[in-house]
Protein backbone atom coordinates (compact mmCIF):
# COMPACT_ATOMS: atom_id res chain seq x y z
CA MET A 1 16.56 49.90 -73.75
CA THR A 2 19.36 50.03 -70.76
CA GLY A 3 17.07 49.76 -68.53
CA ALA A 4 15.27 47.20 -69.38
CA LEU A 5 18.78 44.86 -70.11
CA VAL A 6 20.18 46.07 -66.37
CA LEU A 7 16.65 44.50 -65.29
CA ILE A 8 17.21 41.54 -66.89
CA GLY A 9 20.94 40.82 -65.67
CA THR A 10 19.53 42.02 -62.18
CA LEU A 11 17.17 39.16 -62.27
CA VAL A 12 19.71 36.62 -63.90
CA LEU A 13 22.02 37.32 -61.65
CA ALA A 14 19.35 37.11 -58.46
CA SER A 15 18.32 33.76 -59.49
CA ALA A 16 21.28 32.21 -59.94
CA LEU A 17 22.56 33.57 -56.57
CA GLY A 18 18.87 32.05 -55.13
CA LEU A 19 19.44 28.81 -56.83
CA ALA A 20 23.42 28.24 -55.23
CA LEU A 21 22.12 29.19 -51.70
CA ARG A 22 19.13 26.49 -52.69
CA ALA A 23 22.28 23.81 -53.55
CA ARG A 24 24.04 24.60 -50.33
CA ASN A 25 21.16 24.35 -47.88
CA GLY A 26 21.51 21.08 -45.68
CA ARG A 27 24.19 20.42 -47.22
CA ILE A 28 26.93 18.05 -44.99
CA ARG A 29 30.46 19.34 -45.10
CA THR A 30 32.84 16.48 -43.21
CA ALA A 31 35.16 18.29 -40.43
CA GLY A 32 38.90 18.82 -41.66
CA PRO A 33 41.88 18.88 -39.79
CA ALA A 34 41.64 22.18 -38.31
CA GLU A 35 38.15 21.54 -36.82
CA VAL A 36 39.23 18.21 -35.45
CA THR A 37 42.27 19.36 -33.13
CA THR A 38 41.40 23.02 -32.50
CA GLY A 39 39.25 21.22 -29.36
CA LEU A 40 35.83 22.44 -28.28
CA PRO A 41 34.30 25.58 -26.51
CA GLU A 42 33.25 24.16 -23.11
CA ASP A 43 29.83 24.89 -24.10
CA ILE A 44 29.87 22.20 -26.52
CA ARG A 45 31.68 19.98 -24.09
CA ASN A 46 28.68 20.56 -21.81
CA ALA A 47 26.15 19.84 -24.10
CA LEU A 48 27.18 16.40 -25.25
CA ALA A 49 25.57 13.03 -23.86
CA PRO A 50 28.45 11.03 -22.36
CA ASN A 51 26.38 8.00 -23.30
CA ALA A 52 26.28 8.90 -26.58
CA ALA A 53 27.98 7.77 -30.11
CA VAL A 54 26.73 10.92 -31.77
CA THR A 55 25.76 14.51 -30.36
CA LEU A 56 23.87 16.71 -32.58
CA VAL A 57 24.36 19.91 -31.43
CA GLN A 58 22.21 22.83 -33.33
CA LEU A 59 23.00 26.01 -33.10
CA SER A 60 20.11 28.66 -33.11
CA THR A 61 19.14 31.97 -33.10
CA THR A 62 15.96 33.52 -31.61
CA PHE A 63 14.10 34.56 -33.94
CA CYS A 64 15.79 31.59 -36.92
CA ALA A 65 12.33 29.87 -38.61
CA PRO A 66 14.52 27.23 -40.54
CA CYS A 67 15.62 26.20 -37.01
CA ARG A 68 12.68 25.12 -35.88
CA GLN A 69 12.17 22.82 -38.81
CA ALA A 70 15.29 21.58 -37.77
CA ARG A 71 14.73 21.88 -34.14
CA VAL A 72 11.36 18.98 -35.11
CA LEU A 73 13.70 17.11 -37.71
CA LEU A 74 16.48 16.18 -35.64
CA ALA A 75 14.87 15.71 -32.53
CA ASP A 76 12.79 12.97 -34.22
CA LEU A 77 15.78 11.39 -35.91
CA ALA A 78 17.91 11.19 -32.07
CA ALA A 79 14.68 9.75 -30.43
CA ARG A 80 14.38 7.30 -33.63
CA THR A 81 18.02 6.30 -33.56
CA ASP A 82 20.40 3.87 -30.85
CA GLY A 83 23.34 5.80 -29.89
CA LEU A 84 22.05 9.44 -31.12
CA HIS A 85 21.01 12.20 -28.94
CA HIS A 86 19.92 16.07 -29.99
CA THR A 87 20.46 19.07 -28.30
CA GLU A 88 20.40 22.97 -28.95
CA LEU A 89 22.11 26.27 -27.78
CA ASP A 90 21.18 29.53 -29.04
CA LEU A 91 23.73 31.63 -30.15
CA THR A 92 21.71 34.80 -29.90
CA ASP A 93 23.38 36.62 -27.31
CA ARG A 94 26.92 34.82 -27.84
CA PRO A 95 28.38 36.19 -31.06
CA ASP A 96 32.17 35.14 -29.33
CA LEU A 97 30.67 31.04 -29.86
CA ALA A 98 29.31 31.44 -33.20
CA ARG A 99 33.05 33.38 -34.80
CA GLU A 100 35.06 29.89 -32.20
CA LEU A 101 33.07 27.85 -33.91
CA SER A 102 33.20 29.62 -37.41
CA VAL A 103 29.32 29.54 -38.23
CA LEU A 104 27.84 32.46 -40.44
CA ARG A 105 24.70 31.08 -40.55
CA THR A 106 21.70 29.52 -38.08
CA PRO A 107 20.74 26.83 -38.23
CA THR A 108 24.12 24.85 -37.94
CA THR A 109 24.35 21.30 -36.81
CA LEU A 110 27.66 19.69 -35.48
CA ALA A 111 27.86 16.24 -35.48
CA ILE A 112 29.87 15.35 -32.51
CA ASP A 113 31.41 12.22 -31.40
CA GLY A 114 31.99 10.80 -27.65
CA ARG A 115 35.69 11.50 -27.79
CA GLY A 116 34.42 14.89 -28.50
CA THR A 117 35.81 15.23 -32.06
CA GLU A 118 33.73 17.37 -35.10
CA LEU A 119 32.37 14.45 -37.34
CA LEU A 120 30.38 17.17 -39.82
CA ARG A 121 28.64 19.64 -39.76
CA VAL A 122 25.61 20.63 -41.80
CA GLY A 123 24.43 24.68 -42.52
CA GLY A 124 20.77 25.04 -43.00
CA VAL A 125 18.22 22.65 -42.35
CA PRO A 126 19.60 18.79 -42.85
CA ARG A 127 17.88 16.57 -45.03
CA ARG A 128 16.81 13.46 -42.56
CA ASP A 129 18.67 10.60 -45.33
CA ALA A 130 21.63 12.42 -46.05
CA LEU A 131 22.47 12.66 -42.48
CA LEU A 132 21.73 9.49 -41.24
CA GLU A 133 23.49 8.11 -44.36
CA ALA A 134 26.73 9.93 -42.78
CA LEU A 135 26.13 9.43 -39.43
CA ARG A 136 25.68 5.23 -39.89
CA PRO A 137 29.47 4.97 -39.64
CA HIS A 138 29.76 6.40 -36.81
CA LEU A 139 26.33 4.93 -35.16
CA SER A 140 27.53 1.22 -35.08
CA GLU A 141 30.65 1.54 -33.51
């Protein structure tokens, strides 16, 4: 009987964790004051498109399956949206950069304006409509 209760408890806990992680995937988080004022690493500054209102910097790793899906979505969104540019940086051999940017999972997407200010970040594969809606005020400038 005790074994069955432990099994049921484990399944309930695993289900709750799975639902929590699923709800966080693709969630847009606006940059806090610390992220805005700390400045960007040189690698990120070099990746910014000079003529774009917003650059989407996708932080990926080599064996990340969701990164491929995010790449396709973000590249398509940038191709269809004026003032939006997409670029990708591989963090596989750059744990220092991941630590400096506080990246805990890949893909992580940073939206950075032309002045180099982080506007928002998305952990996981972004939801197209929600991302476009969050970027709209920054694209119309």
